[in-house]
């Protein structure tokens, strides 16, 4: 049985030996993005959301009660890659929502373009998120800034984009990869430093370490002060 989760537009079910899985309603029925499982119930098709391939799904399974993304929202997604998590956010915001999906890598952007051909609420943008002035003319003010970028200065990149694009009442979601900041240190120490610096600029409303789904990663959900 598929049931509504505590997160808007996210569903869940139990599979196998009490394994909890997440699902989103498929915006493009019959099509997958990354070979995820498809399930039908009462005339509605759902896509399985793999927490080992998506930090946002991991955040939800680790107990987040509000991810700050809802139906009809406009999202700036930094570090879109090939579109795994982007596609589930696309399901969540629905046909009247929109996602500006930014990535600097031409190879992954080509794959995202194919995803966006079916999902009209995604606009792929080939750009460096560290230089938001280069795409300011192509992005509107947004309800949420989501970032998943494996760079040493990932916090600074996030804050630049939040200041430029996030609405006053919007949410910021920052996935932090410890090894991209310093491979010699323990992740928890890095996470604590990021938290201290982030709190100078934002109000943190949730924080979770994403293990066992994503090793060496955490996620912050925050709002402007």
N, C-alpha and C. Protein backbone atom coordinates (compact mmCIF):
# COMPACT_ATOMS: atom_id res chain seq x y z
N UNK A 1 0.84 -1.19 0.00
CA UNK A 1 0.00 0.00 0.00
C UNK A 1 0.88 1.25 0.00
N UNK A 2 0.52 2.21 -0.84
CA UNK A 2 1.25 3.48 -0.93
C UNK A 2 0.49 4.52 -0.12
N UNK A 3 1.20 5.23 0.75
CA UNK A 3 0.57 6.22 1.59
C UNK A 3 1.31 7.56 1.50
N UNK A 4 0.60 8.64 1.83
CA UNK A 4 1.22 9.96 1.88
C UNK A 4 2.22 10.02 3.04
N UNK A 5 3.41 10.53 2.79
CA UNK A 5 4.39 10.70 3.86
C UNK A 5 4.13 12.02 4.58
N UNK A 6 5.01 12.36 5.53
CA UNK A 6 4.88 13.63 6.24
C UNK A 6 5.35 14.81 5.39
N UNK A 7 5.97 14.51 4.25
CA UNK A 7 6.49 15.54 3.34
C UNK A 7 5.50 15.76 2.21
N UNK A 8 5.19 17.01 1.92
CA UNK A 8 4.25 17.31 0.83
C UNK A 8 4.70 16.66 -0.48
N UNK A 9 3.76 16.01 -1.15
CA UNK A 9 3.95 15.41 -2.48
C UNK A 9 4.97 14.26 -2.49
N UNK A 10 5.29 13.72 -1.32
CA UNK A 10 6.17 12.56 -1.24
C UNK A 10 5.39 11.42 -0.58
N UNK A 11 5.55 10.23 -1.12
CA UNK A 11 4.78 9.07 -0.66
C UNK A 11 5.73 7.98 -0.20
N UNK A 12 5.18 7.00 0.46
CA UNK A 12 6.03 5.91 0.94
C UNK A 12 5.29 4.59 0.91
N UNK A 13 6.07 3.52 0.94
CA UNK A 13 5.52 2.17 0.95
C UNK A 13 6.53 1.26 1.63
N UNK A 14 6.09 0.08 2.00
CA UNK A 14 6.96 -0.93 2.60
C UNK A 14 7.17 -2.03 1.57
N UNK A 15 8.41 -2.37 1.33
CA UNK A 15 8.76 -3.42 0.39
C UNK A 15 9.68 -4.42 1.06
N UNK A 16 9.57 -5.68 0.68
CA UNK A 16 10.45 -6.71 1.21
C UNK A 16 10.32 -6.86 2.71
N UNK A 17 11.45 -7.00 3.39
CA UNK A 17 11.47 -7.21 4.84
C UNK A 17 11.41 -5.87 5.57
N UNK A 18 10.23 -5.26 5.52
CA UNK A 18 9.99 -3.99 6.21
C UNK A 18 10.92 -2.88 5.74
N UNK A 19 11.27 -2.88 4.46
CA UNK A 19 12.11 -1.83 3.90
C UNK A 19 11.23 -0.67 3.46
N UNK A 20 11.43 0.47 4.09
CA UNK A 20 10.66 1.67 3.76
C UNK A 20 11.24 2.34 2.52
N UNK A 21 10.41 2.59 1.53
CA UNK A 21 10.87 3.29 0.33
C UNK A 21 10.04 4.55 0.13
N UNK A 22 10.65 5.53 -0.53
CA UNK A 22 9.97 6.77 -0.87
C UNK A 22 9.55 6.74 -2.32
N UNK A 23 8.50 7.48 -2.64
CA UNK A 23 8.01 7.56 -4.02
C UNK A 23 7.51 8.98 -4.29
N UNK A 24 7.51 9.35 -5.57
CA UNK A 24 6.85 10.58 -6.01
C UNK A 24 5.92 10.22 -7.17
N UNK A 25 4.85 10.99 -7.33
CA UNK A 25 3.94 10.77 -8.45
C UNK A 25 4.67 11.12 -9.75
N UNK A 26 4.64 10.21 -10.69
CA UNK A 26 5.38 10.39 -11.94
C UNK A 26 4.73 11.45 -12.81
N UNK A 27 5.44 12.56 -13.05
CA UNK A 27 4.93 13.62 -13.89
C UNK A 27 4.80 13.18 -15.34
N UNK A 28 5.61 12.17 -15.72
CA UNK A 28 5.58 11.65 -17.09
C UNK A 28 5.35 10.15 -17.02
N UNK A 29 4.09 9.72 -16.85
CA UNK A 29 3.80 8.29 -16.67
C UNK A 29 4.40 7.42 -17.77
N UNK A 30 4.94 6.29 -17.34
CA UNK A 30 5.52 5.33 -18.27
C UNK A 30 7.00 5.52 -18.51
N UNK A 31 7.57 6.65 -18.04
CA UNK A 31 8.98 6.92 -18.30
C UNK A 31 9.77 7.00 -17.00
N UNK A 32 10.97 6.42 -17.04
CA UNK A 32 11.89 6.51 -15.91
C UNK A 32 13.03 7.46 -16.28
N UNK A 33 13.83 7.83 -15.27
CA UNK A 33 14.97 8.72 -15.48
C UNK A 33 16.29 8.00 -15.22
N UNK A 34 16.31 7.13 -14.21
CA UNK A 34 17.57 6.44 -13.87
C UNK A 34 17.30 4.97 -13.54
N UNK A 35 16.37 4.36 -14.28
CA UNK A 35 15.99 2.94 -14.11
C UNK A 35 15.38 2.68 -12.74
N UNK A 36 14.72 3.68 -12.18
CA UNK A 36 14.03 3.50 -10.90
C UNK A 36 12.77 2.66 -11.10
N UNK A 37 12.30 2.05 -10.02
CA UNK A 37 11.10 1.24 -10.10
C UNK A 37 9.85 2.09 -10.28
N UNK A 38 8.88 1.57 -11.02
CA UNK A 38 7.60 2.22 -11.20
C UNK A 38 6.51 1.37 -10.53
N UNK A 39 5.59 2.04 -9.85
CA UNK A 39 4.50 1.34 -9.16
C UNK A 39 3.19 2.04 -9.49
N UNK A 40 2.14 1.24 -9.68
CA UNK A 40 0.82 1.81 -9.95
C UNK A 40 -0.14 1.40 -8.86
N UNK A 41 -0.94 2.37 -8.44
CA UNK A 41 -1.97 2.08 -7.45
C UNK A 41 -3.14 3.04 -7.69
N UNK A 42 -4.32 2.49 -7.81
CA UNK A 42 -5.55 3.27 -8.01
C UNK A 42 -5.42 4.27 -9.16
N UNK A 43 -4.82 3.80 -10.26
CA UNK A 43 -4.73 4.62 -11.46
C UNK A 43 -3.62 5.65 -11.47
N UNK A 44 -2.80 5.69 -10.43
CA UNK A 44 -1.70 6.66 -10.35
C UNK A 44 -0.36 5.94 -10.39
N UNK A 45 0.57 6.49 -11.16
CA UNK A 45 1.90 5.89 -11.26
C UNK A 45 2.88 6.66 -10.37
N UNK A 46 3.69 5.90 -9.65
CA UNK A 46 4.69 6.46 -8.73
C UNK A 46 6.08 5.96 -9.13
N UNK A 47 7.10 6.80 -8.87
CA UNK A 47 8.49 6.44 -9.11
C UNK A 47 9.20 6.23 -7.78
N UNK A 48 9.93 5.13 -7.66
CA UNK A 48 10.71 4.92 -6.44
C UNK A 48 11.86 5.92 -6.39
N UNK A 49 12.07 6.48 -5.20
CA UNK A 49 13.10 7.50 -4.99
C UNK A 49 14.22 6.87 -4.18
N UNK A 50 15.33 6.59 -4.83
CA UNK A 50 16.43 5.83 -4.24
C UNK A 50 17.32 6.74 -3.38
N UNK A 51 17.32 6.51 -2.07
CA UNK A 51 18.08 7.36 -1.14
C UNK A 51 19.59 7.17 -1.28
N UNK A 52 20.03 6.10 -1.92
CA UNK A 52 21.46 5.92 -2.15
C UNK A 52 21.93 6.67 -3.38
N UNK A 53 20.97 7.20 -4.13
CA UNK A 53 21.31 8.00 -5.31
C UNK A 53 20.83 9.44 -5.19
N UNK A 54 20.22 9.77 -4.07
CA UNK A 54 19.66 11.12 -3.90
C UNK A 54 19.81 11.57 -2.45
N UNK A 55 20.53 12.65 -2.23
CA UNK A 55 20.73 13.15 -0.87
C UNK A 55 19.45 13.71 -0.28
N UNK A 56 18.58 14.23 -1.12
CA UNK A 56 17.31 14.74 -0.59
C UNK A 56 16.44 13.59 -0.09
N UNK A 57 16.41 12.49 -0.81
CA UNK A 57 15.68 11.31 -0.33
C UNK A 57 16.29 10.80 0.97
N UNK A 58 17.62 10.81 1.04
CA UNK A 58 18.30 10.38 2.27
C UNK A 58 17.91 11.29 3.44
N UNK A 59 17.81 12.59 3.18
CA UNK A 59 17.42 13.54 4.22
C UNK A 59 16.03 13.20 4.76
N UNK A 60 15.13 12.85 3.88
CA UNK A 60 13.77 12.51 4.31
C UNK A 60 13.77 11.22 5.13
N UNK A 61 14.49 10.21 4.67
CA UNK A 61 14.54 8.95 5.40
C UNK A 61 15.28 9.08 6.73
N UNK A 62 16.11 10.09 6.85
CA UNK A 62 16.80 10.33 8.12
C UNK A 62 15.93 11.13 9.10
N UNK A 63 14.70 11.47 8.68
CA UNK A 63 13.75 12.04 9.62
C UNK A 63 13.32 13.46 9.40
N UNK A 64 13.73 14.10 8.31
CA UNK A 64 13.30 15.48 8.04
C UNK A 64 11.78 15.54 7.95
N UNK A 65 11.20 16.56 8.54
CA UNK A 65 9.75 16.71 8.55
C UNK A 65 9.26 17.75 7.56
N UNK A 66 10.18 18.57 7.06
CA UNK A 66 9.82 19.62 6.10
C UNK A 66 11.05 19.92 5.25
N UNK A 67 10.95 19.71 3.94
CA UNK A 67 12.10 19.96 3.07
C UNK A 67 12.01 21.33 2.41
N UNK A 68 10.97 22.08 2.68
CA UNK A 68 10.87 23.43 2.15
C UNK A 68 10.56 23.52 0.67
N UNK A 69 10.13 22.42 0.07
CA UNK A 69 9.77 22.39 -1.35
C UNK A 69 8.35 21.86 -1.47
N UNK A 70 7.50 22.62 -2.17
CA UNK A 70 6.09 22.23 -2.29
C UNK A 70 5.61 22.33 -3.73
N UNK A 71 4.41 21.84 -3.94
CA UNK A 71 3.79 21.93 -5.24
C UNK A 71 3.72 23.37 -5.72
N UNK A 72 4.02 23.59 -6.97
CA UNK A 72 3.98 24.90 -7.66
C UNK A 72 5.17 25.80 -7.33
N UNK A 73 6.11 25.34 -6.52
CA UNK A 73 7.28 26.15 -6.19
C UNK A 73 8.21 26.32 -7.39
N UNK A 74 9.00 27.40 -7.34
CA UNK A 74 10.08 27.63 -8.30
C UNK A 74 11.40 27.38 -7.57
N UNK A 75 12.25 26.56 -8.18
CA UNK A 75 13.47 26.08 -7.51
C UNK A 75 14.70 26.44 -8.34
N UNK A 76 15.76 26.86 -7.66
CA UNK A 76 17.08 26.94 -8.28
C UNK A 76 17.88 25.75 -7.77
N UNK A 77 18.25 24.86 -8.66
CA UNK A 77 18.96 23.63 -8.30
C UNK A 77 20.39 23.74 -8.81
N UNK A 78 21.34 23.79 -7.90
CA UNK A 78 22.75 23.94 -8.23
C UNK A 78 23.47 22.60 -8.10
N UNK A 79 24.05 22.15 -9.19
CA UNK A 79 24.70 20.83 -9.20
C UNK A 79 23.73 19.77 -9.65
N UNK A 80 23.04 20.04 -10.72
CA UNK A 80 21.93 19.17 -11.17
C UNK A 80 22.39 17.81 -11.67
N UNK A 81 23.63 17.70 -12.14
CA UNK A 81 24.16 16.46 -12.71
C UNK A 81 23.20 15.94 -13.79
N UNK A 82 22.99 14.63 -13.84
CA UNK A 82 22.16 14.06 -14.91
C UNK A 82 20.66 14.14 -14.63
N UNK A 83 20.29 14.58 -13.43
CA UNK A 83 18.87 14.83 -13.17
C UNK A 83 18.17 13.84 -12.27
N UNK A 84 18.91 13.01 -11.53
CA UNK A 84 18.25 12.03 -10.66
C UNK A 84 17.35 12.72 -9.64
N UNK A 85 17.91 13.54 -8.76
CA UNK A 85 17.09 14.23 -7.77
C UNK A 85 16.25 15.31 -8.40
N UNK A 86 16.79 15.98 -9.42
CA UNK A 86 16.02 17.02 -10.12
C UNK A 86 14.68 16.46 -10.60
N UNK A 87 14.69 15.24 -11.10
CA UNK A 87 13.46 14.66 -11.64
C UNK A 87 12.41 14.44 -10.55
N UNK A 88 12.85 14.08 -9.35
CA UNK A 88 11.89 13.90 -8.26
C UNK A 88 11.38 15.25 -7.75
N UNK A 89 12.25 16.26 -7.73
CA UNK A 89 11.78 17.61 -7.40
C UNK A 89 10.79 18.08 -8.46
N UNK A 90 11.04 17.70 -9.71
CA UNK A 90 10.09 17.99 -10.80
C UNK A 90 8.73 17.38 -10.52
N UNK A 91 8.72 16.14 -10.03
CA UNK A 91 7.44 15.51 -9.64
C UNK A 91 6.77 16.28 -8.51
N UNK A 92 7.57 16.72 -7.53
CA UNK A 92 7.02 17.39 -6.35
C UNK A 92 6.39 18.73 -6.71
N UNK A 93 7.11 19.56 -7.48
CA UNK A 93 6.59 20.90 -7.78
C UNK A 93 5.49 20.84 -8.83
N UNK A 94 5.47 19.78 -9.64
CA UNK A 94 4.38 19.58 -10.59
C UNK A 94 4.47 20.47 -11.82
N UNK A 95 3.48 20.33 -12.68
CA UNK A 95 3.51 21.02 -13.98
C UNK A 95 3.44 22.53 -13.85
N UNK A 96 2.94 23.04 -12.74
CA UNK A 96 2.87 24.48 -12.55
C UNK A 96 4.04 25.03 -11.73
N UNK A 97 4.95 24.15 -11.31
CA UNK A 97 6.19 24.58 -10.67
C UNK A 97 7.28 24.66 -11.72
N UNK A 98 8.50 25.04 -11.29
CA UNK A 98 9.58 25.18 -12.27
C UNK A 98 10.92 25.01 -11.58
N UNK A 99 11.90 24.47 -12.32
CA UNK A 99 13.25 24.25 -11.80
C UNK A 99 14.28 24.82 -12.76
N UNK A 100 15.11 25.71 -12.27
CA UNK A 100 16.30 26.15 -12.99
C UNK A 100 17.43 25.24 -12.55
N UNK A 101 17.91 24.39 -13.46
CA UNK A 101 18.88 23.34 -13.10
C UNK A 101 20.25 23.69 -13.67
N UNK A 102 21.18 24.01 -12.77
CA UNK A 102 22.50 24.52 -13.15
C UNK A 102 23.59 23.47 -12.95
N UNK A 103 24.43 23.29 -13.97
CA UNK A 103 25.60 22.41 -13.84
C UNK A 103 26.65 22.86 -14.85
N UNK A 104 27.94 22.79 -14.50
CA UNK A 104 28.98 23.26 -15.43
C UNK A 104 29.52 22.21 -16.39
N UNK A 105 29.08 20.96 -16.25
CA UNK A 105 29.66 19.86 -17.03
C UNK A 105 28.82 19.57 -18.27
N UNK A 106 29.38 19.78 -19.47
CA UNK A 106 28.61 19.54 -20.70
C UNK A 106 28.09 18.11 -20.83
N UNK A 107 28.88 17.13 -20.37
CA UNK A 107 28.46 15.73 -20.53
C UNK A 107 27.18 15.44 -19.77
N UNK A 108 27.11 15.84 -18.49
CA UNK A 108 25.91 15.56 -17.71
C UNK A 108 24.76 16.46 -18.16
N UNK A 109 25.09 17.66 -18.64
CA UNK A 109 24.04 18.56 -19.11
C UNK A 109 23.33 17.99 -20.33
N UNK A 110 24.06 17.28 -21.18
CA UNK A 110 23.42 16.64 -22.33
C UNK A 110 22.36 15.64 -21.88
N UNK A 111 22.67 14.87 -20.83
CA UNK A 111 21.70 13.90 -20.32
C UNK A 111 20.51 14.61 -19.69
N UNK A 112 20.78 15.71 -18.98
CA UNK A 112 19.69 16.46 -18.36
C UNK A 112 18.76 17.06 -19.41
N UNK A 113 19.32 17.47 -20.53
CA UNK A 113 18.49 18.03 -21.61
C UNK A 113 17.47 17.00 -22.08
N UNK A 114 17.87 15.73 -22.16
CA UNK A 114 16.93 14.68 -22.56
C UNK A 114 15.82 14.53 -21.51
N UNK A 115 16.17 14.63 -20.24
CA UNK A 115 15.15 14.57 -19.18
C UNK A 115 14.18 15.73 -19.32
N UNK A 116 14.72 16.91 -19.61
CA UNK A 116 13.89 18.11 -19.71
C UNK A 116 13.00 18.11 -20.95
N UNK A 117 13.33 17.30 -21.95
CA UNK A 117 12.45 17.20 -23.12
C UNK A 117 11.09 16.63 -22.73
N UNK A 118 11.09 15.71 -21.77
CA UNK A 118 9.83 15.13 -21.29
C UNK A 118 9.24 15.95 -20.15
N UNK A 119 10.09 16.55 -19.36
CA UNK A 119 9.65 17.29 -18.17
C UNK A 119 9.78 18.78 -18.45
N UNK A 120 8.69 19.39 -18.85
CA UNK A 120 8.71 20.77 -19.31
C UNK A 120 8.91 21.78 -18.18
N UNK A 121 8.93 21.30 -16.94
CA UNK A 121 9.14 22.22 -15.81
C UNK A 121 10.62 22.29 -15.38
N UNK A 122 11.52 21.80 -16.25
CA UNK A 122 12.96 21.87 -15.98
C UNK A 122 13.64 22.69 -17.07
N UNK A 123 14.45 23.67 -16.66
CA UNK A 123 15.25 24.45 -17.60
C UNK A 123 16.72 24.19 -17.32
N UNK A 124 17.41 23.38 -18.14
CA UNK A 124 18.83 23.14 -17.93
C UNK A 124 19.65 24.40 -18.25
N UNK A 125 20.62 24.71 -17.38
CA UNK A 125 21.48 25.87 -17.56
C UNK A 125 22.93 25.42 -17.41
N UNK A 126 23.69 25.49 -18.49
CA UNK A 126 25.11 25.14 -18.46
C UNK A 126 25.88 26.34 -17.92
N UNK A 127 26.30 26.27 -16.66
CA UNK A 127 26.95 27.41 -16.02
C UNK A 127 27.65 26.96 -14.75
N UNK A 128 28.55 27.81 -14.28
CA UNK A 128 29.29 27.59 -13.04
C UNK A 128 28.54 28.28 -11.91
N UNK A 129 28.07 27.52 -10.93
CA UNK A 129 27.30 28.09 -9.82
C UNK A 129 28.13 29.05 -8.97
N UNK A 130 29.45 29.01 -9.11
CA UNK A 130 30.30 29.95 -8.40
C UNK A 130 30.28 31.34 -9.02
N UNK A 131 29.64 31.44 -10.19
CA UNK A 131 29.56 32.72 -10.90
C UNK A 131 28.09 33.03 -11.24
N UNK A 132 27.25 33.25 -10.24
CA UNK A 132 25.82 33.45 -10.50
C UNK A 132 25.51 34.65 -11.37
N UNK A 133 26.41 35.62 -11.44
CA UNK A 133 26.17 36.79 -12.30
C UNK A 133 26.08 36.38 -13.76
N UNK A 134 26.67 35.22 -14.12
CA UNK A 134 26.64 34.78 -15.51
C UNK A 134 25.26 34.27 -15.94
N UNK A 135 24.43 33.87 -14.98
CA UNK A 135 23.09 33.39 -15.35
C UNK A 135 21.97 34.17 -14.68
N UNK A 136 22.30 35.31 -14.10
CA UNK A 136 21.27 36.09 -13.41
C UNK A 136 20.13 36.49 -14.35
N UNK A 137 20.43 36.68 -15.62
CA UNK A 137 19.39 37.05 -16.58
C UNK A 137 18.48 35.91 -16.97
N UNK A 138 18.83 34.69 -16.58
CA UNK A 138 18.04 33.51 -16.96
C UNK A 138 17.31 32.88 -15.79
N UNK A 139 17.45 33.44 -14.59
CA UNK A 139 16.84 32.85 -13.39
C UNK A 139 16.01 33.90 -12.67
N UNK A 140 14.79 33.51 -12.28
CA UNK A 140 13.91 34.39 -11.52
C UNK A 140 14.17 34.23 -10.03
N UNK A 141 13.51 35.04 -9.21
CA UNK A 141 13.52 34.79 -7.77
C UNK A 141 12.85 33.45 -7.51
N UNK A 142 13.36 32.71 -6.53
CA UNK A 142 12.89 31.34 -6.34
C UNK A 142 12.41 31.10 -4.91
N UNK A 143 11.60 30.06 -4.77
CA UNK A 143 11.08 29.66 -3.45
C UNK A 143 12.09 28.82 -2.67
N UNK A 144 13.01 28.19 -3.40
CA UNK A 144 14.03 27.37 -2.72
C UNK A 144 15.30 27.32 -3.56
N UNK A 145 16.44 27.36 -2.88
CA UNK A 145 17.74 27.11 -3.52
C UNK A 145 18.24 25.79 -2.97
N UNK A 146 18.47 24.84 -3.86
CA UNK A 146 18.98 23.52 -3.48
C UNK A 146 20.37 23.38 -4.07
N UNK A 147 21.35 23.00 -3.25
CA UNK A 147 22.71 22.85 -3.76
C UNK A 147 23.33 21.52 -3.37
N UNK A 148 23.91 20.86 -4.37
CA UNK A 148 24.66 19.62 -4.18
C UNK A 148 25.90 19.72 -5.07
N UNK A 149 26.92 20.40 -4.56
CA UNK A 149 28.12 20.68 -5.33
C UNK A 149 29.35 20.21 -4.56
N UNK A 150 30.18 19.40 -5.20
CA UNK A 150 31.37 18.85 -4.54
C UNK A 150 32.56 19.75 -4.79
N UNK A 151 32.56 20.93 -4.17
CA UNK A 151 33.68 21.86 -4.27
C UNK A 151 34.10 22.32 -2.88
N UNK A 152 35.35 22.70 -2.75
CA UNK A 152 35.88 23.10 -1.46
C UNK A 152 35.11 24.30 -0.87
N UNK A 153 34.72 25.23 -1.72
CA UNK A 153 34.03 26.44 -1.27
C UNK A 153 32.51 26.34 -1.43
N UNK A 154 31.99 25.15 -1.19
CA UNK A 154 30.56 24.91 -1.44
C UNK A 154 29.65 25.81 -0.61
N UNK A 155 30.03 26.15 0.61
CA UNK A 155 29.21 27.05 1.42
C UNK A 155 29.16 28.44 0.81
N UNK A 156 30.30 28.95 0.38
CA UNK A 156 30.34 30.28 -0.21
C UNK A 156 29.51 30.35 -1.49
N UNK A 157 29.56 29.30 -2.30
CA UNK A 157 28.75 29.24 -3.52
C UNK A 157 27.27 29.30 -3.17
N UNK A 158 26.89 28.54 -2.17
CA UNK A 158 25.49 28.50 -1.73
C UNK A 158 25.02 29.88 -1.29
N UNK A 159 25.80 30.55 -0.46
CA UNK A 159 25.39 31.86 0.08
C UNK A 159 25.30 32.92 -1.01
N UNK A 160 26.19 32.85 -1.99
CA UNK A 160 26.12 33.78 -3.12
C UNK A 160 24.78 33.67 -3.83
N UNK A 161 24.37 32.45 -4.10
CA UNK A 161 23.12 32.22 -4.84
C UNK A 161 21.89 32.52 -4.00
N UNK A 162 21.95 32.21 -2.71
CA UNK A 162 20.85 32.54 -1.81
C UNK A 162 20.62 34.05 -1.80
N UNK A 163 21.69 34.82 -1.67
CA UNK A 163 21.56 36.27 -1.61
C UNK A 163 21.01 36.85 -2.91
N UNK A 164 21.34 36.22 -4.02
CA UNK A 164 20.94 36.75 -5.31
C UNK A 164 19.54 36.32 -5.75
N UNK A 165 19.13 35.09 -5.37
CA UNK A 165 17.93 34.53 -5.98
C UNK A 165 16.82 34.12 -5.01
N UNK A 166 17.11 33.89 -3.74
CA UNK A 166 16.11 33.33 -2.84
C UNK A 166 15.15 34.40 -2.32
N UNK A 167 13.85 34.12 -2.41
CA UNK A 167 12.84 35.02 -1.84
C UNK A 167 13.02 35.10 -0.32
N UNK A 168 12.53 36.17 0.27
CA UNK A 168 12.72 36.38 1.70
C UNK A 168 12.16 35.25 2.56
N UNK A 169 11.06 34.66 2.14
CA UNK A 169 10.46 33.57 2.92
C UNK A 169 10.82 32.19 2.38
N UNK A 170 11.78 32.15 1.47
CA UNK A 170 12.14 30.88 0.86
C UNK A 170 13.05 30.03 1.72
N UNK A 171 13.34 28.81 1.23
CA UNK A 171 14.19 27.85 1.95
C UNK A 171 15.46 27.58 1.17
N UNK A 172 16.53 27.34 1.91
CA UNK A 172 17.77 26.89 1.30
C UNK A 172 18.09 25.48 1.76
N UNK A 173 18.51 24.63 0.84
CA UNK A 173 18.88 23.25 1.16
C UNK A 173 20.32 23.04 0.68
N UNK A 174 21.20 22.75 1.62
CA UNK A 174 22.62 22.61 1.31
C UNK A 174 23.11 21.22 1.67
N UNK A 175 23.49 20.45 0.65
CA UNK A 175 24.13 19.16 0.87
C UNK A 175 25.64 19.38 0.93
N UNK A 176 26.28 18.88 1.98
CA UNK A 176 27.71 19.08 2.19
C UNK A 176 28.44 17.76 2.04
N UNK A 177 29.46 17.76 1.18
CA UNK A 177 30.32 16.58 1.02
C UNK A 177 31.65 16.88 1.70
N UNK A 178 31.92 16.20 2.80
CA UNK A 178 33.09 16.51 3.62
C UNK A 178 34.40 16.32 2.86
N UNK A 179 34.52 15.25 2.08
CA UNK A 179 35.78 14.94 1.40
C UNK A 179 36.16 16.01 0.38
N UNK A 180 35.18 16.74 -0.12
CA UNK A 180 35.48 17.80 -1.08
C UNK A 180 36.08 19.02 -0.40
N UNK A 181 35.92 19.10 0.92
CA UNK A 181 36.47 20.22 1.68
C UNK A 181 37.84 19.87 2.24
N UNK A 182 37.98 18.67 2.81
CA UNK A 182 39.27 18.24 3.36
C UNK A 182 39.23 16.73 3.57
N UNK A 183 40.01 16.00 2.78
CA UNK A 183 39.99 14.53 2.85
C UNK A 183 40.71 14.01 4.08
N UNK A 184 41.47 14.85 4.77
CA UNK A 184 42.28 14.40 5.91
C UNK A 184 41.54 14.50 7.23
N UNK A 185 40.39 15.16 7.27
CA UNK A 185 39.69 15.40 8.52
C UNK A 185 38.43 14.55 8.64
N UNK A 186 37.97 14.37 9.87
CA UNK A 186 36.73 13.63 10.09
C UNK A 186 35.54 14.49 9.66
N UNK A 187 34.56 13.87 8.99
CA UNK A 187 33.42 14.63 8.48
C UNK A 187 32.69 15.44 9.54
N UNK A 188 32.50 14.89 10.74
CA UNK A 188 31.71 15.61 11.75
C UNK A 188 32.34 16.95 12.11
N UNK A 189 33.67 17.01 12.15
CA UNK A 189 34.33 18.27 12.44
C UNK A 189 34.07 19.30 11.34
N UNK A 190 34.11 18.84 10.10
CA UNK A 190 33.82 19.73 8.97
C UNK A 190 32.37 20.20 9.01
N UNK A 191 31.45 19.27 9.29
CA UNK A 191 30.04 19.64 9.36
C UNK A 191 29.80 20.70 10.44
N UNK A 192 30.46 20.56 11.57
CA UNK A 192 30.29 21.53 12.65
C UNK A 192 30.80 22.91 12.25
N UNK A 193 31.92 22.95 11.52
CA UNK A 193 32.44 24.23 11.06
C UNK A 193 31.49 24.89 10.06
N UNK A 194 30.98 24.08 9.14
CA UNK A 194 30.03 24.61 8.15
C UNK A 194 28.79 25.15 8.87
N UNK A 195 28.33 24.41 9.87
CA UNK A 195 27.15 24.86 10.62
C UNK A 195 27.40 26.21 11.29
N UNK A 196 28.55 26.36 11.93
CA UNK A 196 28.86 27.62 12.60
C UNK A 196 28.91 28.79 11.61
N UNK A 197 29.51 28.57 10.45
CA UNK A 197 29.59 29.63 9.45
C UNK A 197 28.23 29.91 8.81
N UNK A 198 27.46 28.85 8.58
CA UNK A 198 26.13 29.02 7.98
C UNK A 198 25.21 29.79 8.91
N UNK A 199 25.32 29.53 10.21
CA UNK A 199 24.44 30.20 11.19
C UNK A 199 24.69 31.70 11.27
N UNK A 200 25.82 32.16 10.79
CA UNK A 200 26.09 33.60 10.76
C UNK A 200 25.21 34.32 9.74
N UNK A 201 24.77 33.56 8.72
CA UNK A 201 24.02 34.16 7.62
C UNK A 201 22.56 33.69 7.54
N UNK A 202 22.30 32.48 8.02
CA UNK A 202 20.99 31.85 7.84
C UNK A 202 20.49 31.30 9.17
N UNK A 203 19.19 31.05 9.23
CA UNK A 203 18.60 30.35 10.37
C UNK A 203 18.42 28.89 9.99
N UNK A 204 19.10 27.99 10.68
CA UNK A 204 19.02 26.56 10.36
C UNK A 204 17.78 25.97 11.00
N UNK A 205 16.94 25.33 10.19
CA UNK A 205 15.71 24.74 10.72
C UNK A 205 15.79 23.22 10.79
N UNK A 206 16.77 22.63 10.10
CA UNK A 206 16.98 21.18 10.21
C UNK A 206 18.39 20.85 9.75
N UNK A 207 18.93 19.80 10.34
CA UNK A 207 20.29 19.34 10.01
C UNK A 207 20.33 17.84 10.24
N UNK A 208 20.82 17.10 9.26
CA UNK A 208 20.92 15.64 9.40
C UNK A 208 22.20 15.15 8.73
N UNK A 209 22.88 14.22 9.39
CA UNK A 209 23.95 13.46 8.74
C UNK A 209 23.26 12.36 7.93
N UNK A 210 23.68 12.14 6.70
CA UNK A 210 22.92 11.32 5.76
C UNK A 210 23.32 9.85 5.74
N UNK A 211 24.22 9.44 6.62
CA UNK A 211 24.54 8.01 6.70
C UNK A 211 23.35 7.25 7.27
N UNK A 212 23.12 6.00 6.86
CA UNK A 212 23.99 5.14 6.04
C UNK A 212 23.75 5.28 4.53
N UNK A 213 22.85 6.16 4.13
CA UNK A 213 22.50 6.25 2.71
C UNK A 213 23.59 6.96 1.89
N UNK A 214 24.18 8.01 2.46
CA UNK A 214 25.19 8.80 1.77
C UNK A 214 26.37 9.00 2.75
N UNK A 215 27.48 8.31 2.53
CA UNK A 215 28.61 8.38 3.44
C UNK A 215 29.33 9.72 3.31
N UNK A 216 29.69 10.30 4.46
CA UNK A 216 30.46 11.54 4.46
C UNK A 216 29.69 12.75 4.00
N UNK A 217 28.37 12.68 4.10
CA UNK A 217 27.52 13.80 3.69
C UNK A 217 26.57 14.20 4.81
N UNK A 218 26.20 15.47 4.81
CA UNK A 218 25.12 15.95 5.66
C UNK A 218 24.28 16.92 4.84
N UNK A 219 23.14 17.33 5.40
CA UNK A 219 22.32 18.33 4.73
C UNK A 219 21.76 19.31 5.75
N UNK A 220 21.75 20.58 5.35
CA UNK A 220 21.16 21.65 6.14
C UNK A 220 19.93 22.18 5.39
N UNK A 221 18.87 22.46 6.14
CA UNK A 221 17.72 23.18 5.60
C UNK A 221 17.62 24.47 6.40
N UNK A 222 17.55 25.59 5.71
CA UNK A 222 17.63 26.87 6.40
C UNK A 222 16.79 27.95 5.72
N UNK A 223 16.66 29.06 6.42
CA UNK A 223 15.94 30.23 5.90
C UNK A 223 16.79 31.47 6.13
N UNK A 224 16.47 32.52 5.38
CA UNK A 224 17.13 33.80 5.61
C UNK A 224 16.78 34.33 6.99
N UNK A 225 17.73 35.02 7.61
CA UNK A 225 17.47 35.64 8.90
C UNK A 225 16.61 36.90 8.71
